[in-house]
Amino acid sequence: MEHRRLEMTVLMTPDTANFSGNVHGGHVLKLLDQVAYACASRYSCGYVVTASVDQVIFRERIHVGELVTFQASVNYTGVSSMEVGIRVTAEEIVSRIERHVITCYFTMVAMDEQGQPRRVETLAVQTSEQHRRWAAAQLRRELRREIEVRSLEIRQHPEDMLHEREDHS
């Protein structure tokens, strides 16, 4: 396995259950962050921090007793940032039926010893799959920036945004 990819499988035990008896979403989010950290740290050969998390959609419940596999890949690199895509599957051990339960994207930033962002190696993009992931990651990056700008506008002038919505109704 190359240094841009990481796979981790975890058995979901009773201590991970929520009040419904399924695996608690917060537990899964913690594991996702750990996997993103491990993948980005491995790629950048150092400490990283989480900058953003995109599109964590719980497509299906994860049940206690299932094996959950996290497949992570660095899809894109900026100057100091990396997008890590994670595909999560849950497997019922006895039947071996596997389900795709989550796909999400983390932006991780490489940090130096002084806690400042540091450069990361530019990701080598060679295969058609790598090109597709790189292009999709660039689009998500642009969307994140647009959302950030619009969120600032809303915070600075919430009454204007409300009136605009009323005018278009």
Protein backbone atom coordinates (compact mmCIF):
# COMPACT_ATOMS: atom_id res chain seq x y z
CA MET A 1 0.00 0.00 0.00
CA GLU A 2 1.44 3.35 -0.98
CA HIS A 3 1.95 6.18 1.53
CA ARG A 4 -1.12 8.15 0.31
CA ARG A 5 -3.56 5.41 1.41
CA LEU A 6 -4.51 3.87 4.73
CA GLU A 7 -7.00 1.19 5.76
CA MET A 8 -8.25 0.45 9.26
CA THR A 9 -10.85 -2.10 10.41
CA VAL A 10 -12.53 -1.89 13.81
CA LEU A 11 -15.01 -4.22 15.53
CA MET A 12 -17.99 -2.26 16.88
CA THR A 13 -18.46 -3.38 20.49
CA PRO A 14 -21.35 -2.77 22.92
CA ASP A 15 -19.54 0.20 24.53
CA THR A 16 -19.94 2.08 21.20
CA ALA A 17 -23.76 1.84 21.23
CA ASN A 18 -26.16 4.77 21.49
CA PHE A 19 -29.60 4.65 23.13
CA SER A 20 -31.06 2.92 20.06
CA GLY A 21 -28.55 0.09 20.24
CA ASN A 22 -26.68 1.18 17.11
CA VAL A 23 -23.17 2.59 16.99
CA HIS A 24 -23.11 6.17 18.25
CA GLY A 25 -22.44 8.73 15.49
CA GLY A 26 -20.00 10.59 17.73
CA HIS A 27 -17.92 7.45 18.13
CA VAL A 28 -17.78 7.06 14.34
CA LEU A 29 -16.80 10.75 13.93
CA LYS A 30 -13.93 10.25 16.37
CA LEU A 31 -12.71 7.23 14.40
CA LEU A 32 -13.02 9.17 11.12
CA ASP A 33 -10.85 11.96 12.55
CA GLN A 34 -8.26 9.43 13.75
CA VAL A 35 -8.14 7.76 10.34
CA ALA A 36 -7.81 11.13 8.56
CA TYR A 37 -5.03 12.09 10.99
CA ALA A 38 -3.17 8.82 10.47
CA CYS A 39 -3.45 9.00 6.66
CA ALA A 40 -2.37 12.66 6.43
CA SER A 41 0.42 12.23 9.00
CA ARG A 42 1.75 9.23 7.12
CA TYR A 43 1.70 11.13 3.83
CA SER A 44 3.28 14.31 5.23
CA CYS A 45 5.67 12.53 7.63
CA GLY A 46 4.61 14.66 10.57
CA TYR A 47 1.98 16.23 12.78
CA VAL A 48 -1.28 17.43 11.20
CA VAL A 49 -4.45 19.12 12.43
CA THR A 50 -8.03 18.95 11.18
CA ALA A 51 -9.08 22.10 9.30
CA SER A 52 -12.50 21.03 8.04
CA VAL A 53 -14.84 18.08 7.61
CA ASP A 54 -17.16 17.83 4.61
CA GLN A 55 -20.17 15.75 3.74
CA VAL A 56 -20.35 13.28 6.61
CA ILE A 57 -23.60 11.62 5.64
CA PHE A 58 -24.63 8.57 7.62
CA ARG A 59 -26.18 6.56 4.79
CA GLU A 60 -27.05 3.55 6.94
CA ARG A 61 -26.89 2.58 10.59
CA ILE A 62 -23.84 0.76 11.88
CA HIS A 63 -24.68 -2.10 14.22
CA VAL A 64 -22.85 -3.39 17.26
CA GLY A 65 -20.96 -6.55 16.26
CA GLU A 66 -20.13 -5.38 12.74
CA LEU A 67 -16.64 -4.92 11.34
CA VAL A 68 -16.24 -1.36 10.11
CA THR A 69 -13.54 -0.64 7.55
CA PHE A 70 -12.22 2.87 6.92
CA GLN A 71 -10.42 3.29 3.58
CA ALA A 72 -8.63 6.63 3.47
CA SER A 73 -6.76 8.31 0.65
CA VAL A 74 -5.01 11.64 0.20
CA ASN A 75 -6.83 13.00 -2.85
CA TYR A 76 -5.33 16.48 -3.11
CA THR A 77 -2.51 18.59 -1.71
CA GLY A 78 -2.22 22.35 -1.43
CA VAL A 79 0.77 24.15 0.02
CA SER A 80 0.29 22.80 3.54
CA SER A 81 -3.14 21.18 3.31
CA MET A 82 -4.31 17.77 2.20
CA GLU A 83 -7.78 16.46 1.44
CA VAL A 84 -8.32 12.97 2.84
CA GLY A 85 -11.29 11.08 1.44
CA ILE A 86 -12.67 8.27 3.58
CA ARG A 87 -15.01 5.48 2.45
CA VAL A 88 -16.57 3.49 5.28
CA THR A 89 -18.11 0.04 4.97
CA ALA A 90 -19.79 -2.11 7.61
CA GLU A 91 -19.67 -5.90 7.39
CA GLU A 92 -22.00 -8.28 9.19
CA ILE A 93 -19.49 -10.93 10.25
CA VAL A 94 -21.65 -14.08 9.99
CA SER A 95 -23.29 -13.35 6.61
CA ARG A 96 -20.28 -11.37 5.30
CA ILE A 97 -22.71 -8.86 3.81
CA GLU A 98 -20.93 -5.54 3.36
CA ARG A 99 -22.65 -2.15 3.17
CA HIS A 100 -21.30 1.27 2.18
CA VAL A 101 -22.27 3.46 5.17
CA ILE A 102 -20.30 6.74 4.90
CA THR A 103 -18.14 8.72 2.51
CA CYS A 104 -16.62 11.97 3.78
CA TYR A 105 -13.74 14.36 3.26
CA PHE A 106 -11.33 15.89 5.79
CA THR A 107 -8.98 18.79 5.15
CA MET A 108 -5.84 18.30 7.20
CA VAL A 109 -2.99 20.82 7.58
CA ALA A 110 0.64 19.82 8.18
CA MET A 111 2.24 21.63 11.12
CA ASP A 112 5.87 22.26 12.08
CA GLU A 113 7.43 22.13 15.56
CA GLN A 114 6.39 25.74 16.24
CA GLY A 115 2.74 25.02 15.43
CA GLN A 116 2.86 26.79 12.06
CA PRO A 117 1.66 25.33 8.75
CA ARG A 118 4.45 23.66 6.78
CA ARG A 119 4.80 22.61 3.17
CA VAL A 120 3.75 19.15 2.06
CA GLU A 121 4.97 17.19 -0.92
CA THR A 122 2.81 17.75 -3.99
CA LEU A 123 0.70 14.68 -4.61
CA ALA A 124 1.75 12.72 -7.70
CA VAL A 125 -1.36 12.30 -9.84
CA GLN A 126 -0.85 9.60 -12.47
CA THR A 127 -3.87 7.35 -12.94
CA SER A 128 -7.28 8.37 -14.27
CA GLU A 129 -8.77 7.61 -10.82
CA GLN A 130 -6.21 9.90 -9.16
CA HIS A 131 -6.99 12.66 -11.68
CA ARG A 132 -10.74 12.27 -10.99
CA ARG A 133 -10.18 12.48 -7.21
CA TRP A 134 -7.87 15.51 -7.59
CA ALA A 135 -10.43 17.39 -9.72
CA ALA A 136 -13.30 16.55 -7.35
CA ALA A 137 -11.19 17.70 -4.38
CA GLN A 138 -10.44 21.02 -6.12
CA LEU A 139 -14.16 21.55 -6.67
CA ARG A 140 -14.93 20.78 -3.00
CA ARG A 141 -12.19 23.25 -2.00
CA GLU A 142 -13.79 25.99 -4.12
CA LEU A 143 -17.22 25.20 -2.64
CA ARG A 144 -15.82 25.39 0.92
CA ARG A 145 -14.37 28.83 0.17
CA GLU A 146 -17.69 30.02 -1.29
CA ILE A 147 -19.59 28.74 1.76
CA GLU A 148 -17.10 30.48 4.05
CA VAL A 149 -17.56 33.81 2.22
CA ARG A 150 -21.35 33.51 2.27
CA SER A 151 -21.34 32.54 5.95
CA LEU A 152 -19.37 35.70 6.74
CA GLU A 153 -21.93 37.75 4.81
CA ILE A 154 -24.75 36.17 6.80
CA ARG A 155 -23.01 36.85 10.12
CA GLN A 156 -22.30 40.47 9.21
CA HIS A 157 -25.72 41.30 7.75
CA PRO A 158 -28.30 38.68 8.78
CA GLU A 159 -31.22 41.09 8.36
CA ASP A 160 -30.26 41.80 4.72
CA MET A 161 -30.21 38.08 3.94
CA LEU A 162 -33.66 37.66 5.48
CA HIS A 163 -35.10 40.51 3.38
CA GLU A 164 -33.52 39.09 0.21
CA ARG A 165 -35.21 35.75 0.86
CA GLU A 166 -38.56 37.46 1.47
CA ASP A 167 -38.24 39.47 -1.77
CA HIS A 168 -37.68 36.27 -3.80
CA SER A 169 -40.64 34.41 -2.26
